[in-house]
Amino acid sequence: MNRKRKSTMVELVEELRKLPKSSAIDFMIEEALAGEYHDYKNVKYVCGKMESSQSLHRLGHSKLARRIEQGEFDEEADAIDEAMMRKDLADGGASHLEGLLGLSKPTTH
């Protein structure tokens, strides 16, 4: 069964806008629009999806948080994302991937 992969930058924003308005939800909408909950465009969090679901749980919106956790908003890489990943791999993966995963560079003696 194939299901449509929903984007955190489009469909998640639509779902956030359906929630009762608050400064915290407005902030989450801004972050989602900026790609901070996106698998590939996120630059702020180690895992944007975890951040978004944890924030929603804290705000009392666990139903939407569980939808995120269950993979409903699991976008595919676009051409820009794929080019960035190819570049990182060509560079040995060190630049973006180490920072994203919180890894330190190995030291040699």
N, C-alpha and C. Protein backbone atom coordinates (compact mmCIF):
# COMPACT_ATOMS: atom_id res chain seq x y z
N MET A 1 0.84 -1.18 0.00
CA MET A 1 0.00 0.00 0.00
C MET A 1 0.88 1.24 0.00
N ASN A 2 0.75 2.05 -1.00
CA ASN A 2 1.51 3.29 -1.09
C ASN A 2 0.66 4.43 -0.56
N ARG A 3 1.25 5.21 0.34
CA ARG A 3 0.55 6.39 0.83
C ARG A 3 1.35 7.61 0.44
N LYS A 4 0.65 8.70 0.27
CA LYS A 4 1.32 9.95 -0.10
C LYS A 4 2.20 10.39 1.05
N ARG A 5 3.41 10.75 0.73
CA ARG A 5 4.34 11.25 1.73
C ARG A 5 4.06 12.73 1.93
N LYS A 6 3.69 13.10 3.14
CA LYS A 6 3.33 14.48 3.44
C LYS A 6 4.57 15.24 3.90
N SER A 7 4.61 16.50 3.56
CA SER A 7 5.74 17.36 3.89
C SER A 7 5.49 18.13 5.19
N THR A 8 6.55 18.27 5.97
CA THR A 8 6.48 19.10 7.17
C THR A 8 6.36 20.57 6.81
N MET A 9 6.78 20.94 5.60
CA MET A 9 6.75 22.34 5.18
C MET A 9 5.41 22.73 4.56
N VAL A 10 4.56 21.74 4.26
CA VAL A 10 3.26 22.03 3.63
C VAL A 10 2.13 21.46 4.49
N GLU A 11 1.99 20.14 4.48
CA GLU A 11 0.86 19.52 5.18
C GLU A 11 0.95 19.67 6.70
N LEU A 12 2.16 19.59 7.29
CA LEU A 12 2.25 19.79 8.74
C LEU A 12 1.88 21.23 9.09
N VAL A 13 2.30 22.17 8.27
CA VAL A 13 1.92 23.58 8.50
C VAL A 13 0.40 23.71 8.49
N GLU A 14 -0.25 23.05 7.54
CA GLU A 14 -1.72 23.09 7.47
C GLU A 14 -2.34 22.54 8.75
N GLU A 15 -1.78 21.46 9.26
CA GLU A 15 -2.31 20.86 10.50
C GLU A 15 -2.05 21.77 11.70
N LEU A 16 -0.88 22.39 11.76
CA LEU A 16 -0.58 23.31 12.86
C LEU A 16 -1.52 24.50 12.86
N ARG A 17 -1.88 24.97 11.68
CA ARG A 17 -2.80 26.11 11.57
C ARG A 17 -4.21 25.77 12.03
N LYS A 18 -4.56 24.49 12.10
CA LYS A 18 -5.87 24.06 12.58
C LYS A 18 -5.94 24.05 14.10
N LEU A 19 -4.79 24.08 14.77
CA LEU A 19 -4.75 24.05 16.23
C LEU A 19 -5.13 25.41 16.80
N PRO A 20 -5.56 25.45 18.06
CA PRO A 20 -5.86 26.75 18.68
C PRO A 20 -4.63 27.66 18.62
N LYS A 21 -4.85 28.89 18.25
CA LYS A 21 -3.77 29.85 18.06
C LYS A 21 -3.07 30.15 19.39
N SER A 22 -1.74 30.16 19.34
CA SER A 22 -0.92 30.54 20.49
C SER A 22 0.45 30.96 19.96
N SER A 23 1.22 31.63 20.79
CA SER A 23 2.56 32.04 20.35
C SER A 23 3.44 30.81 20.09
N ALA A 24 3.26 29.75 20.87
CA ALA A 24 4.06 28.53 20.67
C ALA A 24 3.72 27.87 19.33
N ILE A 25 2.44 27.81 18.99
CA ILE A 25 2.04 27.22 17.71
C ILE A 25 2.49 28.12 16.57
N ASP A 26 2.38 29.43 16.72
CA ASP A 26 2.88 30.36 15.69
C ASP A 26 4.37 30.14 15.45
N PHE A 27 5.13 29.94 16.53
CA PHE A 27 6.57 29.68 16.41
C PHE A 27 6.81 28.37 15.67
N MET A 28 6.04 27.34 15.99
CA MET A 28 6.19 26.06 15.30
C MET A 28 5.86 26.19 13.82
N ILE A 29 4.85 26.99 13.50
CA ILE A 29 4.51 27.21 12.08
C ILE A 29 5.68 27.88 11.37
N GLU A 30 6.27 28.89 11.99
CA GLU A 30 7.44 29.56 11.39
C GLU A 30 8.57 28.57 11.17
N GLU A 31 8.84 27.74 12.17
CA GLU A 31 9.93 26.76 12.03
C GLU A 31 9.62 25.74 10.94
N ALA A 32 8.39 25.28 10.88
CA ALA A 32 8.01 24.32 9.85
C ALA A 32 8.17 24.93 8.46
N LEU A 33 7.71 26.15 8.29
CA LEU A 33 7.85 26.83 6.99
C LEU A 33 9.31 27.02 6.61
N ALA A 34 10.17 27.21 7.61
CA ALA A 34 11.61 27.39 7.36
C ALA A 34 12.34 26.07 7.13
N GLY A 35 11.64 24.94 7.28
CA GLY A 35 12.26 23.64 7.04
C GLY A 35 12.91 23.01 8.25
N GLU A 36 12.67 23.56 9.43
CA GLU A 36 13.34 23.03 10.63
C GLU A 36 12.83 21.67 11.08
N TYR A 37 11.67 21.22 10.59
CA TYR A 37 11.17 19.89 10.93
C TYR A 37 11.33 18.92 9.75
N HIS A 38 11.92 19.40 8.69
CA HIS A 38 12.14 18.64 7.46
C HIS A 38 13.34 17.71 7.65
N ASP A 39 13.26 16.51 7.07
CA ASP A 39 14.36 15.54 7.22
C ASP A 39 15.67 16.04 6.64
N TYR A 40 15.63 16.83 5.59
CA TYR A 40 16.86 17.21 4.89
C TYR A 40 17.19 18.69 5.00
N LYS A 41 16.21 19.54 5.14
CA LYS A 41 16.45 20.98 5.14
C LYS A 41 16.72 21.55 6.54
N ASN A 42 16.46 20.76 7.56
CA ASN A 42 16.66 21.17 8.94
C ASN A 42 18.13 21.51 9.20
N VAL A 43 18.37 22.67 9.81
CA VAL A 43 19.74 23.04 10.20
C VAL A 43 19.82 23.35 11.70
N LYS A 44 18.70 23.48 12.36
CA LYS A 44 18.67 23.91 13.75
C LYS A 44 18.72 22.74 14.73
N TYR A 45 18.03 21.65 14.42
CA TYR A 45 17.88 20.53 15.35
C TYR A 45 18.59 19.29 14.84
N VAL A 46 19.00 18.42 15.76
CA VAL A 46 19.58 17.14 15.37
C VAL A 46 18.52 16.33 14.63
N CYS A 47 17.30 16.37 15.14
CA CYS A 47 16.19 15.68 14.48
C CYS A 47 14.95 16.56 14.61
N GLY A 48 14.62 17.24 13.55
CA GLY A 48 13.49 18.16 13.56
C GLY A 48 12.17 17.49 13.85
N LYS A 49 12.00 16.27 13.38
CA LYS A 49 10.74 15.56 13.62
C LYS A 49 10.56 15.28 15.12
N MET A 50 11.64 14.89 15.79
CA MET A 50 11.55 14.66 17.24
C MET A 50 11.23 15.96 17.96
N GLU A 51 11.87 17.04 17.55
CA GLU A 51 11.62 18.33 18.18
C GLU A 51 10.16 18.73 18.02
N SER A 52 9.62 18.56 16.82
CA SER A 52 8.24 18.95 16.59
C SER A 52 7.27 18.09 17.39
N SER A 53 7.50 16.79 17.44
CA SER A 53 6.58 15.92 18.19
C SER A 53 6.69 16.18 19.69
N GLN A 54 7.90 16.39 20.20
CA GLN A 54 8.06 16.69 21.63
C GLN A 54 7.37 18.01 21.98
N SER A 55 7.52 19.01 21.13
CA SER A 55 6.87 20.30 21.39
C SER A 55 5.36 20.14 21.42
N LEU A 56 4.82 19.38 20.48
CA LEU A 56 3.38 19.18 20.44
C LEU A 56 2.88 18.43 21.67
N HIS A 57 3.64 17.43 22.12
CA HIS A 57 3.25 16.73 23.35
C HIS A 57 3.21 17.71 24.53
N ARG A 58 4.25 18.55 24.63
CA ARG A 58 4.31 19.54 25.73
C ARG A 58 3.13 20.50 25.69
N LEU A 59 2.68 20.82 24.48
CA LEU A 59 1.58 21.77 24.31
C LEU A 59 0.20 21.11 24.41
N GLY A 60 0.19 19.79 24.62
CA GLY A 60 -1.09 19.09 24.77
C GLY A 60 -1.72 18.65 23.47
N HIS A 61 -0.94 18.57 22.40
CA HIS A 61 -1.45 18.16 21.09
C HIS A 61 -0.84 16.81 20.71
N SER A 62 -1.05 15.83 21.58
CA SER A 62 -0.41 14.52 21.41
C SER A 62 -0.91 13.76 20.18
N LYS A 63 -2.14 13.99 19.76
CA LYS A 63 -2.66 13.29 18.58
C LYS A 63 -1.83 13.65 17.34
N LEU A 64 -1.56 14.93 17.14
CA LEU A 64 -0.74 15.34 15.99
C LEU A 64 0.70 14.88 16.19
N ALA A 65 1.19 14.93 17.42
CA ALA A 65 2.56 14.46 17.71
C ALA A 65 2.70 12.99 17.31
N ARG A 66 1.73 12.18 17.64
CA ARG A 66 1.80 10.75 17.29
C ARG A 66 1.76 10.54 15.78
N ARG A 67 1.03 11.37 15.07
CA ARG A 67 1.01 11.27 13.60
C ARG A 67 2.39 11.52 13.04
N ILE A 68 3.11 12.47 13.61
CA ILE A 68 4.49 12.74 13.18
C ILE A 68 5.35 11.53 13.49
N GLU A 69 5.24 11.01 14.71
CA GLU A 69 6.04 9.86 15.15
C GLU A 69 5.77 8.62 14.30
N GLN A 70 4.56 8.48 13.80
CA GLN A 70 4.19 7.32 12.99
C GLN A 70 4.58 7.49 11.52
N GLY A 71 5.24 8.60 11.18
CA GLY A 71 5.77 8.78 9.83
C GLY A 71 4.83 9.38 8.82
N GLU A 72 3.73 9.96 9.27
CA GLU A 72 2.78 10.55 8.32
C GLU A 72 3.43 11.71 7.55
N PHE A 73 4.31 12.45 8.21
CA PHE A 73 4.97 13.61 7.58
C PHE A 73 6.43 13.21 7.30
N ASP A 74 6.62 12.42 6.27
CA ASP A 74 7.92 11.84 5.95
C ASP A 74 8.27 12.16 4.51
N GLU A 75 8.72 13.39 4.30
CA GLU A 75 8.96 13.86 2.95
C GLU A 75 10.15 13.15 2.29
N GLU A 76 10.11 13.15 0.97
CA GLU A 76 11.22 12.62 0.20
C GLU A 76 12.22 13.74 -0.06
N ALA A 77 13.46 13.34 -0.31
CA ALA A 77 14.48 14.32 -0.67
C ALA A 77 14.17 14.88 -2.05
N ASP A 78 14.30 16.21 -2.19
CA ASP A 78 14.14 16.81 -3.51
C ASP A 78 15.53 16.93 -4.15
N ALA A 79 15.59 17.52 -5.32
CA ALA A 79 16.86 17.60 -6.06
C ALA A 79 17.92 18.38 -5.27
N ILE A 80 17.52 19.43 -4.57
CA ILE A 80 18.47 20.22 -3.77
C ILE A 80 19.01 19.38 -2.62
N ASP A 81 18.13 18.63 -1.95
CA ASP A 81 18.54 17.76 -0.85
C ASP A 81 19.51 16.69 -1.35
N GLU A 82 19.19 16.09 -2.49
CA GLU A 82 20.05 15.04 -3.04
C GLU A 82 21.41 15.60 -3.43
N ALA A 83 21.46 16.80 -3.99
CA ALA A 83 22.73 17.42 -4.35
C ALA A 83 23.57 17.68 -3.10
N MET A 84 22.94 18.14 -2.02
CA MET A 84 23.65 18.39 -0.77
C MET A 84 24.21 17.08 -0.21
N MET A 85 23.42 16.01 -0.26
CA MET A 85 23.90 14.72 0.25
C MET A 85 25.05 14.19 -0.60
N ARG A 86 24.95 14.35 -1.94
CA ARG A 86 26.05 13.91 -2.81
C ARG A 86 27.33 14.68 -2.49
N LYS A 87 27.20 15.99 -2.28
CA LYS A 87 28.36 16.81 -1.96
C LYS A 87 28.97 16.37 -0.63
N ASP A 88 28.13 16.15 0.37
CA ASP A 88 28.63 15.70 1.67
C ASP A 88 29.36 14.36 1.55
N LEU A 89 28.80 13.47 0.76
CA LEU A 89 29.45 12.17 0.59
C LEU A 89 30.77 12.33 -0.16
N ALA A 90 30.79 13.19 -1.17
CA ALA A 90 32.02 13.43 -1.93
C ALA A 90 33.09 14.07 -1.05
N ASP A 91 32.66 14.88 -0.09
CA ASP A 91 33.59 15.52 0.86
C ASP A 91 33.97 14.58 1.99
N GLY A 92 33.59 13.32 1.88
CA GLY A 92 33.85 12.38 2.95
C GLY A 92 32.76 12.41 4.00
N GLY A 93 31.70 13.16 3.74
CA GLY A 93 30.58 13.22 4.65
C GLY A 93 30.85 14.02 5.91
N ALA A 94 32.04 14.56 6.02
CA ALA A 94 32.45 15.18 7.28
C ALA A 94 31.70 16.47 7.58
N SER A 95 31.56 17.33 6.61
CA SER A 95 31.04 18.66 6.89
C SER A 95 29.65 18.67 7.52
N HIS A 96 28.65 18.43 6.76
CA HIS A 96 27.27 18.55 7.22
C HIS A 96 26.84 17.38 8.10
N LEU A 97 27.21 16.17 7.70
CA LEU A 97 26.71 15.00 8.40
C LEU A 97 27.25 14.89 9.82
N GLU A 98 28.52 15.22 10.04
CA GLU A 98 29.06 15.17 11.40
C GLU A 98 28.33 16.13 12.32
N GLY A 99 28.13 17.35 11.85
CA GLY A 99 27.41 18.33 12.66
C GLY A 99 25.98 17.91 12.90
N LEU A 100 25.32 17.41 11.87
CA LEU A 100 23.93 16.99 11.97
C LEU A 100 23.77 15.86 12.97
N LEU A 101 24.72 14.94 12.96
CA LEU A 101 24.64 13.78 13.86
C LEU A 101 25.32 14.01 15.19
N GLY A 102 25.95 15.17 15.36
CA GLY A 102 26.61 15.47 16.62
C GLY A 102 27.88 14.68 16.83
N LEU A 103 28.54 14.34 15.74
CA LEU A 103 29.77 13.55 15.83
C LEU A 103 30.99 14.45 15.82
N SER A 104 32.00 14.05 16.53
CA SER A 104 33.25 14.79 16.48
C SER A 104 34.19 14.10 15.51
N LYS A 105 35.11 14.86 14.97
CA LYS A 105 36.07 14.29 14.03
C LYS A 105 37.07 13.43 14.78
N PRO A 106 37.44 12.28 14.19
CA PRO A 106 38.44 11.45 14.84
C PRO A 106 39.79 12.15 14.87
N THR A 107 40.51 11.95 15.94
CA THR A 107 41.84 12.54 16.05
C THR A 107 42.89 11.48 15.77
N THR A 108 43.96 11.91 15.18
CA THR A 108 45.07 10.97 14.90
C THR A 108 46.25 11.37 15.75
N HIS A 109 47.03 10.40 16.12
CA HIS A 109 48.19 10.66 16.98
C HIS A 109 49.45 10.55 16.21
